[in-house]
Protein backbone atom coordinates (compact mmCIF):
# COMPACT_ATOMS: atom_id res chain seq x y z
CA MET A 1 -6.71 33.25 16.94
CA THR A 2 -3.85 34.18 14.33
CA LYS A 3 -1.61 36.78 14.17
CA ASP A 4 -3.72 38.69 11.62
CA GLU A 5 -6.97 38.67 12.84
CA ALA A 6 -4.83 39.69 16.39
CA LEU A 7 -3.95 42.93 13.77
CA LEU A 8 -7.54 43.38 12.68
CA MET A 9 -8.85 43.44 16.34
CA CYS A 10 -6.15 46.33 17.39
CA LEU A 11 -7.14 48.06 14.09
CA GLU A 12 -10.87 48.04 15.07
CA TYR A 13 -10.05 48.87 18.93
CA ILE A 14 -8.18 51.96 17.64
CA GLU A 15 -11.55 52.62 15.28
CA LYS A 16 -13.08 53.13 18.92
CA ASN A 17 -10.11 54.16 21.27
CA ALA A 18 -8.80 56.79 19.49
CA HIS A 19 -7.52 58.15 23.67
CA GLU A 20 -5.71 54.55 24.13
CA ARG A 21 -3.41 54.21 20.47
CA LYS A 22 0.19 53.90 22.76
CA TYR A 23 -1.31 50.48 23.89
CA VAL A 24 -2.75 49.27 20.95
CA ARG A 25 0.72 50.03 18.73
CA HIS A 26 2.63 48.40 21.55
CA ALA A 27 0.30 45.18 20.69
CA ILE A 28 0.71 44.96 17.04
CA LYS A 29 4.76 45.42 17.54
CA ALA A 30 4.28 42.24 19.80
CA ALA A 31 2.74 40.55 17.02
CA LEU A 32 4.56 41.73 14.07
CA GLU A 33 7.94 40.06 15.99
CA VAL A 34 6.63 36.71 16.36
CA LYS A 35 9.22 34.06 14.77
CA TYR A 36 8.43 31.41 14.02
CA VAL A 37 11.20 28.15 14.95
CA GLN A 38 12.05 24.96 13.25
CA VAL A 39 11.38 22.17 15.93
CA SER A 40 12.52 18.60 15.95
CA PRO A 41 9.15 16.08 14.45
CA LEU A 42 8.96 14.81 17.96
CA ALA A 43 8.70 17.65 19.56
CA PHE A 44 6.01 18.96 16.92
CA VAL A 45 3.94 15.94 17.70
CA GLU A 46 4.43 16.69 21.30
CA MET A 47 3.12 20.57 20.90
CA VAL A 48 0.00 19.58 18.69
CA MET A 49 -1.24 16.67 20.51
CA GLU A 50 -4.93 17.19 21.10
CA LYS A 51 -4.76 20.25 19.61
CA GLU A 52 -6.06 18.75 15.97
CA HIS A 53 -9.03 21.45 16.01
CA LEU A 54 -7.48 24.35 16.23
CA ILE A 55 -6.83 26.58 13.05
CA GLY A 56 -4.54 29.06 11.84
CA LYS A 57 -0.67 29.42 10.81
CA PRO A 58 1.45 27.46 13.14
CA ILE A 59 4.56 29.34 14.64
CA PHE A 60 6.62 25.93 14.88
CA TRP A 61 6.92 23.81 12.50
CA ALA A 62 9.32 20.45 11.97
CA GLU A 63 10.81 18.92 8.91
CA TRP A 64 10.79 14.69 8.13
CA PRO A 65 13.30 13.10 7.30
CA ASN A 66 15.78 15.98 8.47
CA LYS A 67 19.23 16.39 8.51
CA GLU A 68 20.11 14.21 11.69
CA ASN A 69 18.72 11.78 10.31
CA THR A 70 19.99 11.61 6.74
């Protein structure tokens, strides 16, 4: 599930369950605080191995060649 999909789910939930808004508000804040992280190419390959079928925006990326190898 992507961050956008999660936020849409939260908004739909709020519309149906107005009495639980504070819980959804915390979930939305957590989703918005996701930080993107650069990792080494080896760490990236290890994390995505056998997960090629997943779709969405990754929260980590790698660059090759990177500063260490130039």
